[in-house]
Each structure stands twice: as structure tokens, then as C-alpha cells.
Amino acid sequence: MPLNAENIPSHANSHQQHILAISLNLRRYYTARILNLNATVTSERRLSTNLRNELDYKRNENVSLNNQLRNERLYQAEIVIDDIIVEIENKEEVVRFYLT
């Protein structure tokens, strides 16, 4: 319960009033600190969530780039294989020509 003029006993001497005032000031100070820390924790959580989302985005981007690279390599391999097949077919035609 916060201290105020209503709950300070009227019969309290100056020393007791001083202690009550110090208690009130400490309570206000630590209440403000707790609220400040709560705001900091909320801010840090938001930052953490943003960083996690950014990391997920980068991870997905990396997967996409890896897929593109794999597809490009497969395409290059297809071109090489097609060239080899064409070369073999041309040599088969030459052999058939000489055999006939």
C-alpha cells in the first residue's frame, strides 16, 4: 500500500515520519525502476523477435539461392551431356557411312 498523508499516523513523531517518507521514496523509486526494466525487457523481446524473423528470412533466402545454384549446375550438366550425345551420334553416323 503506497504511503500518503491519509495512512501516515497523525501521532507519528518526526523520526517515524522521516522513515515513512524514505520508505515512500524508495517504493516510488523501485516501482519506477521495475516499470523501466519491464519496458526494457519488452523492447529486448521485440528486438529478439525481429532478429529471429530476419534470421529466418536470411535462411529462406539462402535455401532459395542454394536451390537456384543447384538448378544452374544441373542445367550445365544437361548441356554437357547433350553435347556428348550429339558428338557420339555424329561419330556413329561417320562409322555407319564407312560401314555401308
C-alpha atoms as a PDB file:
ATOM      1  CA  MET A   1       0.000   0.000   0.000  1.00  0.00           C
ATOM      2  CA  PRO A   2       1.512   3.355  -1.004  1.00  0.00           C
ATOM      3  CA  LEU A   3       2.215   5.799   1.764  1.00  0.00           C
ATOM      4  CA  ASN A   4       0.418   9.120   1.707  1.00  0.00           C
ATOM      5  CA  ALA A   5      -0.960  11.694   4.094  1.00  0.00           C
ATOM      6  CA  GLU A   6      -4.036   9.531   4.792  1.00  0.00           C
ATOM      7  CA  ASN A   7      -2.127   6.479   6.006  1.00  0.00           C
ATOM      8  CA  ILE A   8       0.657   8.204   7.958  1.00  0.00           C
ATOM      9  CA  PRO A   9      -0.385   8.070  11.578  1.00  0.00           C
ATOM     10  CA  SER A  10      -1.076  11.534  12.960  1.00  0.00           C
ATOM     11  CA  HIS A  11       0.635  10.626  16.191  1.00  0.00           C
ATOM     12  CA  ALA A  12       3.902   9.624  14.400  1.00  0.00           C
ATOM     13  CA  ASN A  13       6.887  11.589  15.587  1.00  0.00           C
ATOM     14  CA  SER A  14       9.244  13.326  13.175  1.00  0.00           C
ATOM     15  CA  HIS A  15      11.632  10.353  13.117  1.00  0.00           C
ATOM     16  CA  GLN A  16       8.777   7.978  12.178  1.00  0.00           C
ATOM     17  CA  GLN A  17       7.529  10.433   9.542  1.00  0.00           C
ATOM     18  CA  HIS A  18      11.059  10.632   8.146  1.00  0.00           C
ATOM     19  CA  ILE A  19      11.290   6.813   7.957  1.00  0.00           C
ATOM     20  CA  LEU A  20       7.854   6.666   6.298  1.00  0.00           C
ATOM     21  CA  ALA A  21       8.912   9.334   3.779  1.00  0.00           C
ATOM     22  CA  ILE A  22      12.105   7.419   2.981  1.00  0.00           C
ATOM     23  CA  SER A  23      10.042   4.225   2.533  1.00  0.00           C
ATOM     24  CA  LEU A  24       7.656   6.061   0.224  1.00  0.00           C
ATOM     25  CA  ASN A  25      10.538   7.460  -1.831  1.00  0.00           C
ATOM     26  CA  LEU A  26      12.194   4.038  -2.070  1.00  0.00           C
ATOM     27  CA  ARG A  27       8.906   2.448  -3.113  1.00  0.00           C
ATOM     28  CA  ARG A  28       8.404   5.086  -5.815  1.00  0.00           C
ATOM     29  CA  TYR A  29      12.000   4.697  -6.992  1.00  0.00           C
ATOM     30  CA  TYR A  30      11.844   0.909  -7.231  1.00  0.00           C
ATOM     31  CA  THR A  31       8.385   0.985  -8.806  1.00  0.00           C
ATOM     32  CA  ALA A  32       9.774   3.296 -11.491  1.00  0.00           C
ATOM     33  CA  ARG A  33      12.827   1.039 -11.922  1.00  0.00           C
ATOM     34  CA  ILE A  34      10.628  -2.053 -12.271  1.00  0.00           C
ATOM     35  CA  LEU A  35       8.448  -0.322 -14.864  1.00  0.00           C
ATOM     36  CA  ASN A  36      11.598   0.771 -16.680  1.00  0.00           C
ATOM     37  CA  LEU A  37      13.012  -2.762 -16.586  1.00  0.00           C
ATOM     38  CA  ASN A  38       9.696  -4.170 -17.835  1.00  0.00           C
ATOM     39  CA  ALA A  39       9.830  -1.744 -20.758  1.00  0.00           C
ATOM     40  CA  THR A  40      13.436  -2.781 -21.429  1.00  0.00           C
ATOM     41  CA  VAL A  41      12.523  -6.477 -21.333  1.00  0.00           C
ATOM     42  CA  THR A  42       9.615  -5.843 -23.707  1.00  0.00           C
ATOM     43  CA  SER A  43      11.920  -3.912 -26.024  1.00  0.00           C
ATOM     44  CA  GLU A  44      14.547  -6.678 -25.898  1.00  0.00           C
ATOM     45  CA  ARG A  45      11.896  -9.300 -26.646  1.00  0.00           C
ATOM     46  CA  ARG A  46      10.720  -7.282 -29.628  1.00  0.00           C
ATOM     47  CA  LEU A  47      14.324  -6.940 -30.822  1.00  0.00           C
ATOM     48  CA  SER A  48      14.885 -10.663 -30.308  1.00  0.00           C
ATOM     49  CA  THR A  49      11.742 -11.468 -32.292  1.00  0.00           C
ATOM     50  CA  ASN A  50      12.830  -9.117 -35.080  1.00  0.00           C
ATOM     51  CA  LEU A  51      16.285 -10.706 -35.187  1.00  0.00           C
ATOM     52  CA  ARG A  52      14.753 -14.194 -35.262  1.00  0.00           C
ATOM     53  CA  ASN A  53      12.468 -13.156 -38.122  1.00  0.00           C
ATOM     54  CA  GLU A  54      15.409 -11.648 -40.000  1.00  0.00           C
ATOM     55  CA  LEU A  55      17.431 -14.819 -39.441  1.00  0.00           C
ATOM     56  CA  ASP A  56      14.530 -16.936 -40.755  1.00  0.00           C
ATOM     57  CA  TYR A  57      14.260 -14.652 -43.792  1.00  0.00           C
ATOM     58  CA  LYS A  58      18.000 -14.933 -44.481  1.00  0.00           C
ATOM     59  CA  ARG A  59      17.853 -18.705 -44.004  1.00  0.00           C
ATOM     60  CA  ASN A  60      14.980 -18.957 -46.516  1.00  0.00           C
ATOM     61  CA  GLU A  61      16.850 -16.666 -48.886  1.00  0.00           C
ATOM     62  CA  ASN A  62      19.915 -18.898 -48.548  1.00  0.00           C
ATOM     63  CA  VAL A  63      17.829 -22.010 -49.289  1.00  0.00           C
ATOM     64  CA  SER A  64      16.421 -20.282 -52.352  1.00  0.00           C
ATOM     65  CA  LEU A  65      19.899 -19.317 -53.569  1.00  0.00           C
ATOM     66  CA  ASN A  66      21.163 -22.853 -52.970  1.00  0.00           C
ATOM     67  CA  ASN A  67      18.246 -24.219 -54.989  1.00  0.00           C
ATOM     68  CA  GLN A  68      18.999 -21.791 -57.815  1.00  0.00           C
ATOM     69  CA  LEU A  69      22.665 -22.794 -57.760  1.00  0.00           C
ATOM     70  CA  ARG A  70      21.776 -26.496 -57.810  1.00  0.00           C
ATOM     71  CA  ASN A  71      19.380 -25.938 -60.722  1.00  0.00           C
ATOM     72  CA  GLU A  72      22.055 -23.989 -62.600  1.00  0.00           C
ATOM     73  CA  ARG A  73      24.566 -26.810 -62.072  1.00  0.00           C
ATOM     74  CA  LEU A  74      22.021 -29.370 -63.255  1.00  0.00           C
ATOM     75  CA  TYR A  75      21.335 -27.250 -66.324  1.00  0.00           C
ATOM     76  CA  GLN A  76      25.077 -27.007 -67.068  1.00  0.00           C
ATOM     77  CA  ALA A  77      25.402 -30.786 -66.652  1.00  0.00           C
ATOM     78  CA  GLU A  78      22.481 -31.288 -69.069  1.00  0.00           C
ATOM     79  CA  ILE A  79      24.206 -29.100 -71.658  1.00  0.00           C
ATOM     80  CA  VAL A  80      27.456 -31.077 -71.341  1.00  0.00           C
ATOM     81  CA  ILE A  81      25.599 -34.406 -71.587  1.00  0.00           C
ATOM     82  CA  ASP A  82      23.633 -33.179 -74.618  1.00  0.00           C
ATOM     83  CA  ASP A  83      26.889 -32.109 -76.300  1.00  0.00           C
ATOM     84  CA  ILE A  84      28.423 -35.536 -75.598  1.00  0.00           C
ATOM     85  CA  ILE A  85      25.341 -37.290 -77.017  1.00  0.00           C
ATOM     86  CA  VAL A  86      25.455 -35.142 -80.171  1.00  0.00           C
ATOM     87  CA  GLU A  87      29.161 -35.909 -80.562  1.00  0.00           C
ATOM     88  CA  ILE A  88      28.539 -39.664 -80.157  1.00  0.00           C
ATOM     89  CA  GLU A  89      25.671 -39.560 -82.656  1.00  0.00           C
ATOM     90  CA  ASN A  90      27.874 -37.732 -85.171  1.00  0.00           C
ATOM     91  CA  LYS A  91      30.629 -40.339 -84.773  1.00  0.00           C
ATOM     92  CA  GLU A  92      28.071 -43.153 -85.164  1.00  0.00           C
ATOM     93  CA  GLU A  93      26.943 -41.586 -88.441  1.00  0.00           C
ATOM     94  CA  VAL A  94      30.521 -41.443 -89.677  1.00  0.00           C
ATOM     95  CA  VAL A  95      31.053 -45.101 -88.724  1.00  0.00           C
ATOM     96  CA  ARG A  96      27.777 -46.122 -90.421  1.00  0.00           C
ATOM     97  CA  PHE A  97      28.796 -44.203 -93.529  1.00  0.00           C
ATOM     98  CA  TYR A  98      32.071 -46.126 -93.767  1.00  0.00           C
ATOM     99  CA  LEU A  99      30.386 -49.438 -92.991  1.00  0.00           C
ATOM    100  CA  THR A 100      27.828 -49.106 -95.726  1.00  0.00           C
END
